[in-house]
N, C-alpha and C. Protein backbone atom coordinates (compact mmCIF):
# COMPACT_ATOMS: atom_id res chain seq x y z
N MET A 1 -41.03 0.94 6.60
CA MET A 1 -40.85 -0.10 5.62
C MET A 1 -40.10 -1.27 6.26
N LYS A 2 -40.70 -2.45 6.22
CA LYS A 2 -40.07 -3.62 6.79
C LYS A 2 -39.16 -4.25 5.74
N ASN A 3 -37.97 -4.59 6.16
CA ASN A 3 -36.98 -5.17 5.26
C ASN A 3 -36.77 -6.63 5.65
N ASP A 4 -37.26 -7.55 4.82
CA ASP A 4 -37.12 -8.98 5.10
C ASP A 4 -35.96 -9.60 4.32
N SER A 5 -35.03 -8.80 3.89
CA SER A 5 -33.91 -9.29 3.10
C SER A 5 -32.99 -10.16 3.94
N VAL A 6 -32.38 -11.11 3.28
CA VAL A 6 -31.38 -11.96 3.91
C VAL A 6 -30.04 -11.64 3.27
N TYR A 7 -29.06 -11.39 4.09
CA TYR A 7 -27.74 -11.05 3.60
C TYR A 7 -26.82 -12.22 3.90
N HIS A 8 -26.12 -12.69 2.89
CA HIS A 8 -25.32 -13.90 3.04
C HIS A 8 -23.96 -13.70 2.38
N TYR A 9 -22.95 -13.48 3.18
CA TYR A 9 -21.59 -13.30 2.69
C TYR A 9 -20.65 -14.17 3.54
N PRO A 10 -20.71 -15.48 3.33
CA PRO A 10 -19.94 -16.39 4.19
C PRO A 10 -18.45 -16.34 3.88
N GLY A 11 -17.70 -16.76 4.83
CA GLY A 11 -16.26 -16.94 4.66
C GLY A 11 -15.93 -18.39 4.95
N ASN A 12 -14.71 -18.76 4.70
CA ASN A 12 -14.23 -20.08 5.08
C ASN A 12 -12.74 -19.97 5.36
N ASP A 13 -12.15 -21.03 5.86
CA ASP A 13 -10.75 -20.97 6.26
C ASP A 13 -9.82 -20.62 5.09
N THR A 14 -10.09 -21.18 3.92
CA THR A 14 -9.25 -20.90 2.76
C THR A 14 -9.34 -19.43 2.37
N TYR A 15 -10.56 -18.91 2.33
CA TYR A 15 -10.77 -17.49 2.00
C TYR A 15 -10.06 -16.61 3.02
N THR A 16 -10.26 -16.91 4.28
CA THR A 16 -9.66 -16.10 5.35
C THR A 16 -8.14 -16.14 5.28
N GLU A 17 -7.58 -17.32 5.03
CA GLU A 17 -6.13 -17.45 4.95
C GLU A 17 -5.55 -16.60 3.82
N LYS A 18 -6.26 -16.54 2.68
CA LYS A 18 -5.79 -15.75 1.54
C LYS A 18 -5.81 -14.25 1.84
N LEU A 19 -6.68 -13.83 2.75
CA LEU A 19 -6.77 -12.41 3.08
C LEU A 19 -5.50 -11.89 3.75
N TYR A 20 -4.80 -12.77 4.46
CA TYR A 20 -3.64 -12.35 5.24
C TYR A 20 -2.36 -12.38 4.41
N SER A 21 -2.42 -11.79 3.24
CA SER A 21 -1.25 -11.66 2.38
C SER A 21 -1.39 -10.35 1.61
N ASP A 22 -0.28 -9.89 1.06
CA ASP A 22 -0.34 -8.66 0.26
C ASP A 22 -1.27 -8.83 -0.92
N GLU A 23 -1.22 -10.01 -1.55
CA GLU A 23 -2.09 -10.27 -2.70
C GLU A 23 -3.56 -10.29 -2.28
N GLY A 24 -3.85 -10.86 -1.13
CA GLY A 24 -5.23 -10.90 -0.63
C GLY A 24 -5.77 -9.51 -0.35
N ILE A 25 -4.95 -8.67 0.23
CA ILE A 25 -5.36 -7.29 0.51
C ILE A 25 -5.58 -6.54 -0.80
N LYS A 26 -4.70 -6.79 -1.78
CA LYS A 26 -4.84 -6.14 -3.09
C LYS A 26 -6.17 -6.54 -3.73
N ARG A 27 -6.55 -7.81 -3.59
CA ARG A 27 -7.81 -8.28 -4.17
C ARG A 27 -9.02 -7.62 -3.50
N LEU A 28 -8.90 -7.30 -2.23
CA LEU A 28 -10.02 -6.66 -1.53
C LEU A 28 -10.38 -5.31 -2.15
N ALA A 29 -9.38 -4.62 -2.67
CA ALA A 29 -9.65 -3.33 -3.30
C ALA A 29 -10.47 -3.50 -4.57
N GLN A 30 -10.40 -4.69 -5.17
CA GLN A 30 -11.13 -4.96 -6.41
C GLN A 30 -12.48 -5.63 -6.14
N ASP A 31 -12.54 -6.47 -5.12
CA ASP A 31 -13.77 -7.21 -4.84
C ASP A 31 -13.86 -7.51 -3.35
N SER A 32 -14.62 -6.69 -2.64
CA SER A 32 -14.74 -6.82 -1.20
C SER A 32 -16.17 -7.21 -0.82
N LYS A 33 -16.27 -8.22 0.03
CA LYS A 33 -17.60 -8.62 0.51
C LYS A 33 -18.24 -7.49 1.32
N ILE A 34 -17.44 -6.72 2.00
CA ILE A 34 -17.97 -5.59 2.77
C ILE A 34 -18.61 -4.56 1.84
N ILE A 35 -17.92 -4.24 0.75
CA ILE A 35 -18.47 -3.27 -0.21
C ILE A 35 -19.73 -3.82 -0.85
N ARG A 36 -19.71 -5.10 -1.22
CA ARG A 36 -20.92 -5.69 -1.83
C ARG A 36 -22.09 -5.67 -0.85
N LEU A 37 -21.82 -5.93 0.44
CA LEU A 37 -22.87 -5.88 1.45
C LEU A 37 -23.41 -4.46 1.59
N LEU A 38 -22.52 -3.49 1.66
CA LEU A 38 -22.96 -2.10 1.77
C LEU A 38 -23.79 -1.68 0.56
N GLU A 39 -23.37 -2.10 -0.62
CA GLU A 39 -24.14 -1.77 -1.83
C GLU A 39 -25.52 -2.41 -1.79
N GLU A 40 -25.58 -3.65 -1.31
CA GLU A 40 -26.88 -4.32 -1.21
C GLU A 40 -27.78 -3.63 -0.18
N LEU A 41 -27.21 -3.25 0.93
CA LEU A 41 -27.97 -2.52 1.95
C LEU A 41 -28.50 -1.20 1.39
N GLU A 42 -27.66 -0.50 0.64
CA GLU A 42 -28.09 0.76 0.01
C GLU A 42 -29.25 0.53 -0.96
N ARG A 43 -29.14 -0.51 -1.77
CA ARG A 43 -30.22 -0.80 -2.73
C ARG A 43 -31.55 -1.08 -2.03
N HIS A 44 -31.47 -1.56 -0.79
CA HIS A 44 -32.68 -1.84 -0.02
C HIS A 44 -33.12 -0.65 0.83
N GLY A 45 -32.54 0.52 0.55
CA GLY A 45 -33.00 1.74 1.19
C GLY A 45 -32.32 2.11 2.48
N ASN A 46 -31.25 1.43 2.84
CA ASN A 46 -30.53 1.74 4.07
C ASN A 46 -29.49 2.82 3.82
N ASN A 47 -29.31 3.71 4.78
CA ASN A 47 -28.30 4.75 4.69
C ASN A 47 -27.02 4.21 5.32
N VAL A 48 -26.05 3.89 4.49
CA VAL A 48 -24.80 3.31 4.97
C VAL A 48 -23.60 4.23 4.66
N GLY A 49 -23.90 5.52 4.49
CA GLY A 49 -22.85 6.47 4.15
C GLY A 49 -21.70 6.49 5.14
N GLY A 50 -22.00 6.44 6.42
CA GLY A 50 -20.95 6.46 7.44
C GLY A 50 -20.08 5.22 7.36
N ALA A 51 -20.70 4.07 7.21
CA ALA A 51 -19.95 2.81 7.09
C ALA A 51 -19.10 2.83 5.82
N ARG A 52 -19.65 3.34 4.72
CA ARG A 52 -18.89 3.42 3.47
C ARG A 52 -17.68 4.35 3.65
N ASP A 53 -17.86 5.47 4.34
CA ASP A 53 -16.74 6.39 4.59
C ASP A 53 -15.64 5.68 5.39
N GLU A 54 -16.03 4.89 6.39
CA GLU A 54 -15.05 4.17 7.20
C GLU A 54 -14.28 3.16 6.37
N VAL A 55 -14.97 2.40 5.52
CA VAL A 55 -14.31 1.41 4.67
C VAL A 55 -13.36 2.11 3.70
N ASN A 56 -13.80 3.22 3.12
CA ASN A 56 -12.92 3.97 2.21
C ASN A 56 -11.68 4.47 2.94
N ALA A 57 -11.86 4.94 4.17
CA ALA A 57 -10.71 5.40 4.95
C ALA A 57 -9.74 4.25 5.21
N LEU A 58 -10.26 3.07 5.52
CA LEU A 58 -9.40 1.91 5.74
C LEU A 58 -8.66 1.52 4.47
N PHE A 59 -9.36 1.50 3.33
CA PHE A 59 -8.70 1.20 2.06
C PHE A 59 -7.60 2.22 1.76
N ASN A 60 -7.88 3.49 1.98
CA ASN A 60 -6.87 4.53 1.74
C ASN A 60 -5.67 4.36 2.66
N TYR A 61 -5.92 4.02 3.92
CA TYR A 61 -4.84 3.81 4.88
C TYR A 61 -3.96 2.64 4.44
N VAL A 62 -4.59 1.55 4.04
CA VAL A 62 -3.84 0.37 3.60
C VAL A 62 -3.01 0.71 2.36
N SER A 63 -3.60 1.43 1.43
CA SER A 63 -2.87 1.82 0.21
C SER A 63 -1.66 2.69 0.55
N ALA A 64 -1.86 3.66 1.42
CA ALA A 64 -0.77 4.55 1.82
C ALA A 64 0.32 3.77 2.56
N THR A 65 -0.09 2.85 3.42
CA THR A 65 0.87 2.05 4.18
C THR A 65 1.69 1.17 3.25
N LYS A 66 1.04 0.59 2.24
CA LYS A 66 1.77 -0.25 1.28
C LYS A 66 2.79 0.59 0.52
N LYS A 67 2.46 1.82 0.19
CA LYS A 67 3.40 2.69 -0.53
C LYS A 67 4.60 3.02 0.37
N VAL A 68 4.34 3.34 1.63
CA VAL A 68 5.44 3.63 2.56
C VAL A 68 6.32 2.40 2.73
N LYS A 69 5.71 1.23 2.82
CA LYS A 69 6.47 -0.02 2.96
C LYS A 69 7.37 -0.21 1.74
N ALA A 70 6.83 -0.01 0.55
CA ALA A 70 7.61 -0.16 -0.67
C ALA A 70 8.76 0.85 -0.71
N ASP A 71 8.48 2.10 -0.30
CA ASP A 71 9.53 3.12 -0.26
C ASP A 71 10.64 2.75 0.72
N MET A 72 10.26 2.20 1.87
CA MET A 72 11.25 1.80 2.87
C MET A 72 12.12 0.67 2.34
N ILE A 73 11.51 -0.29 1.66
CA ILE A 73 12.28 -1.40 1.10
C ILE A 73 13.26 -0.89 0.06
N THR A 74 12.81 0.01 -0.79
CA THR A 74 13.70 0.60 -1.80
C THR A 74 14.87 1.32 -1.14
N HIS A 75 14.58 2.09 -0.10
CA HIS A 75 15.63 2.83 0.59
C HIS A 75 16.60 1.87 1.28
N LEU A 76 16.09 0.83 1.91
CA LEU A 76 16.96 -0.15 2.57
C LEU A 76 17.85 -0.87 1.56
N GLU A 77 17.31 -1.19 0.41
CA GLU A 77 18.12 -1.84 -0.64
C GLU A 77 19.22 -0.90 -1.12
N TYR A 78 18.90 0.37 -1.24
CA TYR A 78 19.90 1.36 -1.64
C TYR A 78 21.00 1.46 -0.58
N MET A 79 20.61 1.56 0.69
CA MET A 79 21.59 1.64 1.77
C MET A 79 22.47 0.39 1.80
N LYS A 80 21.87 -0.76 1.59
CA LYS A 80 22.62 -2.02 1.58
C LYS A 80 23.66 -2.01 0.45
N SER A 81 23.24 -1.53 -0.73
CA SER A 81 24.19 -1.49 -1.85
C SER A 81 25.33 -0.50 -1.56
N CYS A 82 25.04 0.60 -0.90
CA CYS A 82 26.09 1.57 -0.54
C CYS A 82 27.08 0.94 0.45
N ILE A 83 26.55 0.20 1.40
CA ILE A 83 27.41 -0.44 2.41
C ILE A 83 28.29 -1.49 1.76
N GLU A 84 27.70 -2.26 0.83
CA GLU A 84 28.46 -3.31 0.17
C GLU A 84 29.58 -2.76 -0.70
N LYS A 85 29.44 -1.53 -1.18
CA LYS A 85 30.47 -0.91 -2.02
C LYS A 85 31.67 -0.45 -1.20
N THR A 86 31.49 -0.25 0.09
CA THR A 86 32.60 0.25 0.92
C THR A 86 33.46 -0.86 1.44
């Protein structure tokens, strides 16, 4: 089966700049061009299971890392308050 589909998911400087923030990363979990591309490829009969697994692993890693970061900040704030009391 020949696939003559055209895939178009452009970026621009403003879009790219927004990605490099906590809010931008959070938005990717809700609306990702990569996920939309994979879904479109699947609809056209392509097997993208491996790529989807990789993207899911990356999303899970980012989520776990954000939780660890938040826990570290909470702990540092607690330690700071203990030090200030002495």
